[in-house]
PDB file of N, CA and C in Angstrom:
ATOM      1  N   UNK A   1      31.258 123.885  90.798  1.00  0.00           N
ATOM      2  CA  UNK A   1      30.856 124.254  92.244  1.00  0.00           C
ATOM      3  C   UNK A   1      30.718 125.710  92.274  1.00  0.00           C
ATOM      4  N   UNK A   2      29.442 125.993  92.909  1.00  0.00           N
ATOM      5  CA  UNK A   2      29.180 127.406  93.401  1.00  0.00           C
ATOM      6  C   UNK A   2      29.439 127.377  94.831  1.00  0.00           C
ATOM      7  N   UNK A   3      29.881 128.471  95.331  1.00  0.00           N
ATOM      8  CA  UNK A   3      29.963 128.826  96.884  1.00  0.00           C
ATOM      9  C   UNK A   3      28.613 129.532  97.293  1.00  0.00           C
ATOM     10  N   UNK A   4      27.913 128.969  98.138  1.00  0.00           N
ATOM     11  CA  UNK A   4      26.922 129.633  98.875  1.00  0.00           C
ATOM     12  C   UNK A   4      27.447 130.320 100.223  1.00  0.00           C
ATOM     13  N   UNK A   5      27.054 131.466 100.418  1.00  0.00           N
ATOM     14  CA  UNK A   5      27.552 132.229 101.604  1.00  0.00           C
ATOM     15  C   UNK A   5      26.631 132.173 102.769  1.00  0.00           C
ATOM     16  N   UNK A   6      27.388 131.775 104.015  1.00  0.00           N
ATOM     17  CA  UNK A   6      26.718 131.649 105.211  1.00  0.00           C
ATOM     18  C   UNK A   6      27.437 132.068 106.339  1.00  0.00           C
ATOM     19  N   UNK A   7      26.851 132.306 107.458  1.00  0.00           N
ATOM     20  CA  UNK A   7      27.470 132.569 108.643  1.00  0.00           C
ATOM     21  C   UNK A   7      27.927 131.090 109.421  1.00  0.00           C
ATOM     22  N   UNK A   8      28.853 130.852 110.241  1.00  0.00           N
ATOM     23  CA  UNK A   8      29.173 129.815 110.819  1.00  0.00           C
ATOM     24  C   UNK A   8      27.985 129.211 111.475  1.00  0.00           C
ATOM     25  N   UNK A   9      26.956 129.721 112.006  1.00  0.00           N
ATOM     26  CA  UNK A   9      26.030 129.136 112.787  1.00  0.00           C
ATOM     27  C   UNK A   9      25.067 128.627 111.939  1.00  0.00           C
ATOM     28  N   UNK A  10      24.968 129.043 110.498  1.00  0.00           N
ATOM     29  CA  UNK A  10      23.963 128.428 109.487  1.00  0.00           C
ATOM     30  C   UNK A  10      24.595 127.336 108.713  1.00  0.00           C
ATOM     31  N   UNK A  11      25.784 126.772 108.981  1.00  0.00           N
ATOM     32  CA  UNK A  11      26.546 125.877 108.142  1.00  0.00           C
ATOM     33  C   UNK A  11      25.775 124.829 107.953  1.00  0.00           C
ATOM     34  N   UNK A  12      25.699 124.310 107.007  1.00  0.00           N
ATOM     35  CA  UNK A  12      25.100 123.046 106.677  1.00  0.00           C
ATOM     36  C   UNK A  12      25.878 122.306 105.547  1.00  0.00           C
ATOM     37  N   UNK A  13      26.614 121.207 106.030  1.00  0.00           N
ATOM     38  CA  UNK A  13      27.328 120.414 105.053  1.00  0.00           C
ATOM     39  C   UNK A  13      26.441 119.500 104.325  1.00  0.00           C
ATOM     40  N   UNK A  14      26.287 119.794 102.887  1.00  0.00           N
ATOM     41  CA  UNK A  14      25.396 118.881 102.209  1.00  0.00           C
ATOM     42  C   UNK A  14      25.646 117.273 102.304  1.00  0.00           C
ATOM     43  N   UNK A  15      24.792 116.756 102.386  1.00  0.00           N
ATOM     44  CA  UNK A  15      24.918 115.117 102.456  1.00  0.00           C
ATOM     45  C   UNK A  15      24.757 114.480 100.907  1.00  0.00           C
ATOM     46  N   UNK A  16      24.443 115.352 100.132  1.00  0.00           N
ATOM     47  CA  UNK A  16      24.038 114.660  98.646  1.00  0.00           C
ATOM     48  C   UNK A  16      25.238 115.050  97.617  1.00  0.00           C
ATOM     49  N   UNK A  17      26.373 115.712  98.170  1.00  0.00           N
ATOM     50  CA  UNK A  17      27.521 116.017  97.406  1.00  0.00           C
ATOM     51  C   UNK A  17      28.876 115.495  98.005  1.00  0.00           C
ATOM     52  N   UNK A  18      29.896 115.025  97.238  1.00  0.00           N
ATOM     53  CA  UNK A  18      31.125 114.448  97.673  1.00  0.00           C
ATOM     54  C   UNK A  18      32.119 115.612  97.829  1.00  0.00           C
ATOM     55  N   UNK A  19      32.063 116.710  97.116  1.00  0.00           N
ATOM     56  CA  UNK A  19      32.913 117.947  97.178  1.00  0.00           C
ATOM     57  C   UNK A  19      32.008 119.181  97.229  1.00  0.00           C
ATOM     58  N   UNK A  20      32.211 120.312  97.824  1.00  0.00           N
ATOM     59  CA  UNK A  20      31.522 121.379  97.807  1.00  0.00           C
ATOM     60  C   UNK A  20      32.434 122.820  98.222  1.00  0.00           C
ATOM     61  N   UNK A  21      32.232 123.654  97.608  1.00  0.00           N
ATOM     62  CA  UNK A  21      32.773 125.078  97.953  1.00  0.00           C
ATOM     63  C   UNK A  21      31.642 125.829  98.856  1.00  0.00           C
ATOM     64  N   UNK A  22      32.354 126.175 100.106  1.00  0.00           N
ATOM     65  CA  UNK A  22      31.461 126.713 101.088  1.00  0.00           C
ATOM     66  C   UNK A  22      32.033 127.954 101.331  1.00  0.00           C
ATOM     67  N   UNK A  23      31.034 129.002 101.278  1.00  0.00           N
ATOM     68  CA  UNK A  23      31.413 130.500 101.492  1.00  0.00           C
ATOM     69  C   UNK A  23      31.124 130.768 103.004  1.00  0.00           C
ATOM     70  N   UNK A  24      31.984 131.073 103.686  1.00  0.00           N
ATOM     71  CA  UNK A  24      31.947 131.509 105.228  1.00  0.00           C
ATOM     72  C   UNK A  24      32.291 132.983 105.411  1.00  0.00           C
ATOM     73  N   UNK A  25      31.288 133.904 105.534  1.00  0.00           N
ATOM     74  CA  UNK A  25      31.804 135.343 105.524  1.00  0.00           C
ATOM     75  C   UNK A  25      32.235 135.602 104.090  1.00  0.00           C
ATOM     76  N   UNK A  26      33.639 136.288 104.231  1.00  0.00           N
ATOM     77  CA  UNK A  26      34.385 136.625 103.087  1.00  0.00           C
ATOM     78  C   UNK A  26      35.396 135.477 102.585  1.00  0.00           C
ATOM     79  N   UNK A  27      35.273 134.284 103.200  1.00  0.00           N
ATOM     80  CA  UNK A  27      35.989 133.237 102.778  1.00  0.00           C
ATOM     81  C   UNK A  27      35.416 132.097 102.048  1.00  0.00           C
ATOM     82  N   UNK A  28      36.020 131.533 101.115  1.00  0.00           N
ATOM     83  CA  UNK A  28      35.762 130.324 100.656  1.00  0.00           C
ATOM     84  C   UNK A  28      36.329 129.174 101.031  1.00  0.00           C
ATOM     85  N   UNK A  29      35.722 128.106 101.448  1.00  0.00           N
ATOM     86  CA  UNK A  29      36.580 126.876 101.842  1.00  0.00           C
ATOM     87  C   UNK A  29      36.133 125.859 101.070  1.00  0.00           C
ATOM     88  N   UNK A  30      36.924 124.866 100.426  1.00  0.00           N
ATOM     89  CA  UNK A  30      36.780 123.611  99.650  1.00  0.00           C
ATOM     90  C   UNK A  30      36.602 122.422 100.565  1.00  0.00           C
ATOM     91  N   UNK A  31      35.562 121.784 100.707  1.00  0.00           N
ATOM     92  CA  UNK A  31      35.310 120.620 101.458  1.00  0.00           C
ATOM     93  C   UNK A  31      35.272 119.448 100.405  1.00  0.00           C
ATOM     94  N   UNK A  32      36.216 118.364 100.585  1.00  0.00           N
ATOM     95  CA  UNK A  32      36.230 117.217  99.809  1.00  0.00           C
ATOM     96  C   UNK A  32      36.122 115.994 100.530  1.00  0.00           C
ATOM     97  N   UNK A  33      35.869 114.932  99.660  1.00  0.00           N
ATOM     98  CA  UNK A  33      35.522 113.476 100.190  1.00  0.00           C
ATOM     99  C   UNK A  33      34.527 113.435 101.378  1.00  0.00           C
ATOM    100  N   UNK A  34      33.415 114.157 101.153  1.00  0.00           N
ATOM    101  CA  UNK A  34      32.544 114.300 102.458  1.00  0.00           C
ATOM    102  C   UNK A  34      31.839 112.785 102.657  1.00  0.00           C
ATOM    103  N   UNK A  35      31.895 112.064 101.666  1.00  0.00           N
ATOM    104  CA  UNK A  35      31.178 110.852 101.983  1.00  0.00           C
ATOM    105  C   UNK A  35      32.191 109.625 102.525  1.00  0.00           C
ATOM    106  N   UNK A  36      33.637 109.972 102.549  1.00  0.00           N
ATOM    107  CA  UNK A  36      34.493 109.091 103.213  1.00  0.00           C
ATOM    108  C   UNK A  36      34.118 108.719 104.541  1.00  0.00           C
ATOM    109  N   UNK A  37      34.084 107.231 104.679  1.00  0.00           N
ATOM    110  CA  UNK A  37      33.586 106.896 105.873  1.00  0.00           C
ATOM    111  C   UNK A  37      34.601 106.997 106.939  1.00  0.00           C
ATOM    112  N   UNK A  38      34.466 107.545 108.114  1.00  0.00           N
ATOM    113  CA  UNK A  38      35.118 107.768 109.191  1.00  0.00           C
ATOM    114  C   UNK A  38      35.131 106.628 110.408  1.00  0.00           C
ATOM    115  N   UNK A  39      33.811 106.185 110.689  1.00  0.00           N
ATOM    116  CA  UNK A  39      33.358 105.530 111.703  1.00  0.00           C
ATOM    117  C   UNK A  39      32.412 104.671 111.096  1.00  0.00           C
ATOM    118  N   UNK A  40      32.795 103.458 110.376  1.00  0.00           N
ATOM    119  CA  UNK A  40      32.044 102.523 109.479  1.00  0.00           C
ATOM    120  C   UNK A  40      30.936 101.821 110.549  1.00  0.00           C
ATOM    121  N   UNK A  41      31.172 101.493 111.742  1.00  0.00           N
ATOM    122  CA  UNK A  41      30.234 100.902 112.612  1.00  0.00           C
ATOM    123  C   UNK A  41      29.082 101.633 112.816  1.00  0.00           C
ATOM    124  N   UNK A  42      29.188 103.058 112.857  1.00  0.00           N
ATOM    125  CA  UNK A  42      28.194 103.973 113.145  1.00  0.00           C
ATOM    126  C   UNK A  42      27.583 104.644 111.914  1.00  0.00           C
ATOM    127  N   UNK A  43      28.300 104.315 110.759  1.00  0.00           N
ATOM    128  CA  UNK A  43      27.730 104.901 109.465  1.00  0.00           C
ATOM    129  C   UNK A  43      28.152 106.250 109.320  1.00  0.00           C
ATOM    130  N   UNK A  44      29.199 106.853 110.073  1.00  0.00           N
ATOM    131  CA  UNK A  44      29.576 108.234 110.141  1.00  0.00           C
ATOM    132  C   UNK A  44      30.687 108.642 109.289  1.00  0.00           C
ATOM    133  N   UNK A  45      30.356 109.628 108.481  1.00  0.00           N
ATOM    134  CA  UNK A  45      31.482 110.142 107.491  1.00  0.00           C
ATOM    135  C   UNK A  45      32.291 111.215 107.675  1.00  0.00           C
ATOM    136  N   UNK A  46      33.082 111.862 106.935  1.00  0.00           N
ATOM    137  CA  UNK A  46      33.743 112.865 107.118  1.00  0.00           C
ATOM    138  C   UNK A  46      32.772 114.145 107.211  1.00  0.00           C
ATOM    139  N   UNK A  47      31.828 114.142 106.196  1.00  0.00           N
ATOM    140  CA  UNK A  47      30.787 115.110 106.237  1.00  0.00           C
ATOM    141  C   UNK A  47      30.190 115.189 107.408  1.00  0.00           C
ATOM    142  N   UNK A  48      29.732 114.022 108.234  1.00  0.00           N
ATOM    143  CA  UNK A  48      29.097 114.287 109.610  1.00  0.00           C
ATOM    144  C   UNK A  48      29.992 114.807 110.494  1.00  0.00           C
ATOM    145  N   UNK A  49      31.268 114.440 110.704  1.00  0.00           N
ATOM    146  CA  UNK A  49      32.202 115.204 111.401  1.00  0.00           C
ATOM    147  C   UNK A  49      32.339 116.717 111.208  1.00  0.00           C
ATOM    148  N   UNK A  50      32.453 117.139 109.919  1.00  0.00           N
ATOM    149  CA  UNK A  50      32.543 118.527 109.606  1.00  0.00           C
ATOM    150  C   UNK A  50      31.227 119.194 109.980  1.00  0.00           C
ATOM    151  N   UNK A  51      30.025 118.394 109.881  1.00  0.00           N
ATOM    152  CA  UNK A  51      28.816 119.206 110.272  1.00  0.00           C
ATOM    153  C   UNK A  51      28.896 119.377 112.009  1.00  0.00           C
ATOM    154  N   UNK A  52      29.269 118.341 112.732  1.00  0.00           N
ATOM    155  CA  UNK A  52      29.417 118.454 113.988  1.00  0.00           C
ATOM    156  C   UNK A  52      30.302 119.675 114.453  1.00  0.00           C
ATOM    157  N   UNK A  53      31.356 119.735 113.708  1.00  0.00           N
ATOM    158  CA  UNK A  53      32.410 121.049 114.072  1.00  0.00           C
ATOM    159  C   UNK A  53      31.583 122.271 113.822  1.00  0.00           C
ATOM    160  N   UNK A  54      30.805 122.149 112.692  1.00  0.00           N
ATOM    161  CA  UNK A  54      30.040 123.508 112.340  1.00  0.00           C
ATOM    162  C   UNK A  54      29.019 123.719 113.628  1.00  0.00           C
ATOM    163  N   UNK A  55      28.259 122.782 113.922  1.00  0.00           N
ATOM    164  CA  UNK A  55      27.298 122.917 115.027  1.00  0.00           C
ATOM    165  C   UNK A  55      27.787 123.536 116.360  1.00  0.00           C
ATOM    166  N   UNK A  56      29.157 122.948 116.695  1.00  0.00           N
ATOM    167  CA  UNK A  56      29.573 123.362 117.905  1.00  0.00           C
ATOM    168  C   UNK A  56      30.654 124.526 117.973  1.00  0.00           C
ATOM    169  N   UNK A  57      30.858 125.125 116.829  1.00  0.00           N
ATOM    170  CA  UNK A  57      31.789 126.200 116.578  1.00  0.00           C
ATOM    171  C   UNK A  57      31.607 127.391 117.467  1.00  0.00           C
ATOM    172  N   UNK A  58      30.247 127.834 117.658  1.00  0.00           N
ATOM    173  CA  UNK A  58      30.069 128.844 118.504  1.00  0.00           C
ATOM    174  C   UNK A  58      30.457 128.917 119.886  1.00  0.00           C
ATOM    175  N   UNK A  59      30.557 127.736 120.417  1.00  0.00           N
ATOM    176  CA  UNK A  59      30.980 127.302 121.763  1.00  0.00           C
ATOM    177  C   UNK A  59      32.353 127.028 121.713  1.00  0.00           C
ATOM    178  N   UNK A  60      32.854 126.308 120.927  1.00  0.00           N
ATOM    179  CA  UNK A  60      34.172 125.882 120.753  1.00  0.00           C
ATOM    180  C   UNK A  60      35.372 126.899 120.255  1.00  0.00           C
ATOM    181  N   UNK A  61      34.872 127.594 119.262  1.00  0.00           N
ATOM    182  CA  UNK A  61      36.167 128.483 118.824  1.00  0.00           C
ATOM    183  C   UNK A  61      36.615 129.590 119.839  1.00  0.00           C
ATOM    184  N   UNK A  62      35.986 129.999 120.634  1.00  0.00           N
ATOM    185  CA  UNK A  62      36.451 131.111 121.492  1.00  0.00           C
ATOM    186  C   UNK A  62      37.454 130.518 122.300  1.00  0.00           C
ATOM    187  N   UNK A  63      37.457 129.307 122.635  1.00  0.00           N
ATOM    188  CA  UNK A  63      38.426 128.579 123.429  1.00  0.00           C
ATOM    189  C   UNK A  63      39.645 128.162 122.774  1.00  0.00           C
ATOM    190  N   UNK A  64      39.592 128.219 121.292  1.00  0.00           N
ATOM    191  CA  UNK A  64      40.882 127.791 120.524  1.00  0.00           C
ATOM    192  C   UNK A  64      41.411 128.950 119.863  1.00  0.00           C
ATOM    193  N   UNK A  65      40.787 129.993 119.843  1.00  0.00           N
ATOM    194  CA  UNK A  65      41.539 131.244 119.338  1.00  0.00           C
ATOM    195  C   UNK A  65      42.930 131.590 119.705  1.00  0.00           C
ATOM    196  N   UNK A  66      43.697 131.810 118.708  1.00  0.00           N
ATOM    197  CA  UNK A  66      44.912 132.039 118.899  1.00  0.00           C
ATOM    198  C   UNK A  66      45.956 130.995 119.080  1.00  0.00           C
ATOM    199  N   UNK A  67      45.255 129.859 118.978  1.00  0.00           N
ATOM    200  CA  UNK A  67      46.238 128.537 119.394  1.00  0.00           C
ATOM    201  C   UNK A  67      46.840 127.975 118.061  1.00  0.00           C
ATOM    202  N   UNK A  68      47.884 127.424 118.110  1.00  0.00           N
ATOM    203  CA  UNK A  68      48.321 126.576 117.071  1.00  0.00           C
ATOM    204  C   UNK A  68      47.623 125.255 116.811  1.00  0.00           C
ATOM    205  N   UNK A  69      47.525 124.721 115.591  1.00  0.00           N
ATOM    206  CA  UNK A  69      46.564 123.570 115.578  1.00  0.00           C
ATOM    207  C   UNK A  69      47.312 122.538 114.768  1.00  0.00           C
ATOM    208  N   UNK A  70      47.124 121.295 115.507  1.00  0.00           N
ATOM    209  CA  UNK A  70      47.772 119.934 114.892  1.00  0.00           C
ATOM    210  C   UNK A  70      46.663 118.987 114.652  1.00  0.00           C
ATOM    211  N   UNK A  71      46.665 118.251 113.638  1.00  0.00           N
ATOM    212  CA  UNK A  71      45.657 117.364 113.141  1.00  0.00           C
ATOM    213  C   UNK A  71      46.112 115.986 113.218  1.00  0.00           C
ATOM    214  N   UNK A  72      45.479 115.216 113.845  1.00  0.00           N
ATOM    215  CA  UNK A  72      45.624 113.673 113.880  1.00  0.00           C
ATOM    216  C   UNK A  72      45.017 113.291 112.583  1.00  0.00           C
ATOM    217  N   UNK A  73      45.640 112.691 111.430  1.00  0.00           N
ATOM    218  CA  UNK A  73      44.893 112.460 110.432  1.00  0.00           C
ATOM    219  C   UNK A  73      45.075 110.681 110.081  1.00  0.00           C
ATOM    220  N   UNK A  74      43.865 110.317 109.661  1.00  0.00           N
ATOM    221  CA  UNK A  74      43.800 108.917 109.334  1.00  0.00           C
ATOM    222  C   UNK A  74      43.344 108.657 107.762  1.00  0.00           C
ATOM    223  N   UNK A  75      44.374 108.888 107.059  1.00  0.00           N
ATOM    224  CA  UNK A  75      44.018 108.959 105.554  1.00  0.00           C
ATOM    225  C   UNK A  75      43.186 107.646 105.048  1.00  0.00           C
ATOM    226  N   UNK A  76      43.401 106.410 105.882  1.00  0.00           N
ATOM    227  CA  UNK A  76      42.822 105.261 105.463  1.00  0.00           C
ATOM    228  C   UNK A  76      41.954 104.779 106.240  1.00  0.00           C
ATOM    229  N   UNK A  77      41.156 105.534 106.888  1.00  0.00           N
ATOM    230  CA  UNK A  77      40.207 105.363 108.009  1.00  0.00           C
ATOM    231  C   UNK A  77      40.750 105.064 109.340  1.00  0.00           C
ATOM    232  N   UNK A  78      39.866 104.868 110.380  1.00  0.00           N
ATOM    233  CA  UNK A  78      40.363 104.709 111.734  1.00  0.00           C
ATOM    234  C   UNK A  78      41.134 103.494 111.932  1.00  0.00           C
ATOM    235  N   UNK A  79      41.201 102.608 111.096  1.00  0.00           N
ATOM    236  CA  UNK A  79      41.807 101.205 111.420  1.00  0.00           C
ATOM    237  C   UNK A  79      42.923 101.265 110.590  1.00  0.00           C
ATOM    238  N   UNK A  80      43.377 102.347 109.889  1.00  0.00           N
ATOM    239  CA  UNK A  80      44.660 102.494 109.056  1.00  0.00           C
ATOM    240  C   UNK A  80      45.681 103.380 109.922  1.00  0.00           C
ATOM    241  N   UNK A  81      46.894 103.467 109.467  1.00  0.00           N
ATOM    242  CA  UNK A  81      47.859 104.212 110.029  1.00  0.00           C
ATOM    243  C   UNK A  81      47.544 105.704 109.931  1.00  0.00           C
ATOM    244  N   UNK A  82      48.096 106.373 111.085  1.00  0.00           N
ATOM    245  CA  UNK A  82      47.498 107.621 111.243  1.00  0.00           C
ATOM    246  C   UNK A  82      48.876 108.686 111.437  1.00  0.00           C
ATOM    247  N   UNK A  83      48.989 109.836 111.289  1.00  0.00           N
ATOM    248  CA  UNK A  83      50.001 110.699 111.356  1.00  0.00           C
ATOM    249  C   UNK A  83      49.640 112.070 111.998  1.00  0.00           C
ATOM    250  N   UNK A  84      50.530 112.775 112.542  1.00  0.00           N
ATOM    251  CA  UNK A  84      50.264 114.278 113.004  1.00  0.00           C
ATOM    252  C   UNK A  84      50.573 115.311 111.924  1.00  0.00           C
ATOM    253  N   UNK A  85      49.620 115.922 111.595  1.00  0.00           N
ATOM    254  CA  UNK A  85      49.899 117.069 110.630  1.00  0.00           C
ATOM    255  C   UNK A  85      50.160 118.307 111.437  1.00  0.00           C
ATOM    256  N   UNK A  86      51.306 118.786 111.371  1.00  0.00           N
ATOM    257  CA  UNK A  86      51.663 120.067 112.152  1.00  0.00           C
ATOM    258  C   UNK A  86      51.962 121.293 111.148  1.00  0.00           C
ATOM    259  N   UNK A  87      52.582 120.967 109.957  1.00  0.00           N
ATOM    260  CA  UNK A  87      52.745 122.143 109.215  1.00  0.00           C
ATOM    261  C   UNK A  87      51.671 122.709 108.348  1.00  0.00           C
ATOM    262  N   UNK A  88      51.602 123.994 108.259  1.00  0.00           N
ATOM    263  CA  UNK A  88      50.548 124.515 107.558  1.00  0.00           C
ATOM    264  C   UNK A  88      50.696 124.186 106.022  1.00  0.00           C
ATOM    265  N   UNK A  89      49.756 123.762 105.473  1.00  0.00           N
ATOM    266  CA  UNK A  89      49.578 123.250 103.904  1.00  0.00           C
ATOM    267  C   UNK A  89      50.177 124.395 103.047  1.00  0.00           C
ATOM    268  N   UNK A  90      50.862 123.933 101.904  1.00  0.00           N
ATOM    269  CA  UNK A  90      51.196 124.661 100.993  1.00  0.00           C
ATOM    270  C   UNK A  90      50.659 124.041  99.488  1.00  0.00           C
ATOM    271  N   UNK A  91      49.977 125.048  98.962  1.00  0.00           N
ATOM    272  CA  UNK A  91      49.751 126.500  99.356  1.00  0.00           C
ATOM    273  C   UNK A  91      48.750 126.573 100.157  1.00  0.00           C
ATOM    274  N   UNK A  92      48.546 127.749 100.792  1.00  0.00           N
ATOM    275  CA  UNK A  92      47.615 127.948 101.955  1.00  0.00           C
ATOM    276  C   UNK A  92      46.847 129.233 101.582  1.00  0.00           C
ATOM    277  N   UNK A  93      45.516 129.252 101.963  1.00  0.00           N
ATOM    278  CA  UNK A  93      44.869 130.501 101.744  1.00  0.00           C
ATOM    279  C   UNK A  93      45.557 131.793 102.484  1.00  0.00           C
ATOM    280  N   UNK A  94      45.461 132.854 101.834  1.00  0.00           N
ATOM    281  CA  UNK A  94      46.033 134.157 102.564  1.00  0.00           C
ATOM    282  C   UNK A  94      45.526 134.483 103.790  1.00  0.00           C
ATOM    283  N   UNK A  95      44.323 134.015 104.091  1.00  0.00           N
ATOM    284  CA  UNK A  95      43.711 134.246 105.394  1.00  0.00           C
ATOM    285  C   UNK A  95      44.053 133.580 106.605  1.00  0.00           C
ATOM    286  N   UNK A  96      44.866 132.279 106.029  1.00  0.00           N
ATOM    287  CA  UNK A  96      45.064 131.378 107.326  1.00  0.00           C
ATOM    288  C   UNK A  96      46.343 131.878 107.850  1.00  0.00           C
ATOM    289  N   UNK A  97      46.202 132.147 109.042  1.00  0.00           N
ATOM    290  CA  UNK A  97      47.174 132.631 110.110  1.00  0.00           C
ATOM    291  C   UNK A  97      48.021 131.626 110.504  1.00  0.00           C
ATOM    292  N   UNK A  98      49.377 131.793 110.715  1.00  0.00           N
ATOM    293  CA  UNK A  98      50.441 130.787 111.314  1.00  0.00           C
ATOM    294  C   UNK A  98      51.150 131.356 112.495  1.00  0.00           C
ATOM    295  N   UNK A  99      51.906 130.352 113.007  1.00  0.00           N
ATOM    296  CA  UNK A  99      52.707 130.992 114.166  1.00  0.00           C
ATOM    297  C   UNK A  99      53.962 129.837 114.111  1.00  0.00           C
ATOM    298  N   UNK A 100      55.100 130.314 114.048  1.00  0.00           N
ATOM    299  CA  UNK A 100      56.213 129.523 114.332  1.00  0.00           C
ATOM    300  C   UNK A 100      56.710 128.920 115.555  1.00  0.00           C
ATOM    301  N   UNK A 101      56.858 127.887 115.669  1.00  0.00           N
ATOM    302  CA  UNK A 101      57.054 127.051 117.025  1.00  0.00           C
ATOM    303  C   UNK A 101      58.386 126.321 116.487  1.00  0.00           C
ATOM    304  N   UNK A 102      59.316 126.330 117.576  1.00  0.00           N
ATOM    305  CA  UNK A 102      60.820 125.373 117.504  1.00  0.00           C
ATOM    306  C   UNK A 102      60.359 123.976 117.910  1.00  0.00           C
ATOM    307  N   UNK A 103      60.504 123.160 117.057  1.00  0.00           N
ATOM    308  CA  UNK A 103      60.046 121.693 117.387  1.00  0.00           C
ATOM    309  C   UNK A 103      61.352 121.076 118.151  1.00  0.00           C
ATOM    310  N   UNK A 104      61.059 120.005 118.839  1.00  0.00           N
ATOM    311  CA  UNK A 104      62.214 119.563 119.590  1.00  0.00           C
ATOM    312  C   UNK A 104      63.266 119.040 118.683  1.00  0.00           C
ATOM    313  N   UNK A 105      63.091 118.781 117.379  1.00  0.00           N
ATOM    314  CA  UNK A 105      64.109 118.176 116.520  1.00  0.00           C
ATOM    315  C   UNK A 105      65.127 119.401 116.141  1.00  0.00           C
ATOM    316  N   UNK A 106      64.672 120.641 116.504  1.00  0.00           N
ATOM    317  CA  UNK A 106      65.506 121.720 116.219  1.00  0.00           C
ATOM    318  C   UNK A 106      64.902 122.547 114.918  1.00  0.00           C
ATOM    319  N   UNK A 107      63.776 121.975 114.336  1.00  0.00           N
ATOM    320  CA  UNK A 107      63.209 122.739 113.165  1.00  0.00           C
ATOM    321  C   UNK A 107      62.079 123.584 113.570  1.00  0.00           C
ATOM    322  N   UNK A 108      62.092 124.751 112.807  1.00  0.00           N
ATOM    323  CA  UNK A 108      61.100 125.789 113.249  1.00  0.00           C
ATOM    324  C   UNK A 108      59.926 125.588 112.252  1.00  0.00           C
ATOM    325  N   UNK A 109      58.712 125.131 112.814  1.00  0.00           N
ATOM    326  CA  UNK A 109      57.463 124.779 112.115  1.00  0.00           C
ATOM    327  C   UNK A 109      56.488 125.820 112.094  1.00  0.00           C
ATOM    328  N   UNK A 110      56.073 126.023 110.883  1.00  0.00           N
ATOM    329  CA  UNK A 110      54.906 127.078 110.904  1.00  0.00           C
ATOM    330  C   UNK A 110      53.607 126.178 110.821  1.00  0.00           C
ATOM    331  N   UNK A 111      53.067 126.672 112.170  1.00  0.00           N
ATOM    332  CA  UNK A 111      51.700 125.709 112.482  1.00  0.00           C
ATOM    333  C   UNK A 111      50.384 126.662 111.963  1.00  0.00           C
ATOM    334  N   UNK A 112      49.327 126.277 111.488  1.00  0.00           N
ATOM    335  CA  UNK A 112      48.124 126.860 111.164  1.00  0.00           C
ATOM    336  C   UNK A 112      47.581 127.264 112.657  1.00  0.00           C
ATOM    337  N   UNK A 113      46.977 128.390 112.555  1.00  0.00           N
ATOM    338  CA  UNK A 113      46.331 128.858 113.789  1.00  0.00           C
ATOM    339  C   UNK A 113      44.706 128.856 113.682  1.00  0.00           C
ATOM    340  N   UNK A 114      44.076 128.655 114.864  1.00  0.00           N
ATOM    341  CA  UNK A 114      42.659 128.422 114.881  1.00  0.00           C
ATOM    342  C   UNK A 114      42.263 130.053 115.345  1.00  0.00           C
ATOM    343  N   UNK A 115      41.543 130.745 114.199  1.00  0.00           N
ATOM    344  CA  UNK A 115      41.251 132.220 114.548  1.00  0.00           C
ATOM    345  C   UNK A 115      39.744 132.130 114.547  1.00  0.00           C
ATOM    346  N   UNK A 116      39.022 131.650 113.676  1.00  0.00           N
ATOM    347  CA  UNK A 116      37.416 131.617 113.549  1.00  0.00           C
ATOM    348  C   UNK A 116      37.027 130.565 112.755  1.00  0.00           C
TER     349      UNK A 116
END
């Protein structure tokens, strides 16, 4: 895979590839399983969702800056079981900022932060 460098406003998620390395500024992000069906009734895939996020990023990101991120994940599609992903993945890119928040369980959790 070759990374193409683009600004967030120009991001185009390829619909003819399952996996892609995408260069965003000085960073490279690996996108995988782009053909994974997220909303079967509408024919929408993970790639479609990522394209939507890229399309609205200029308006959305200023409101999310400096906030911790939690993802509700559906590994087997919207009709399967889901879970909340709170912890920063390991390994993580060095540029991914984190913040530590005490969970009600008493555990200190390093959450990924949305910065750009």
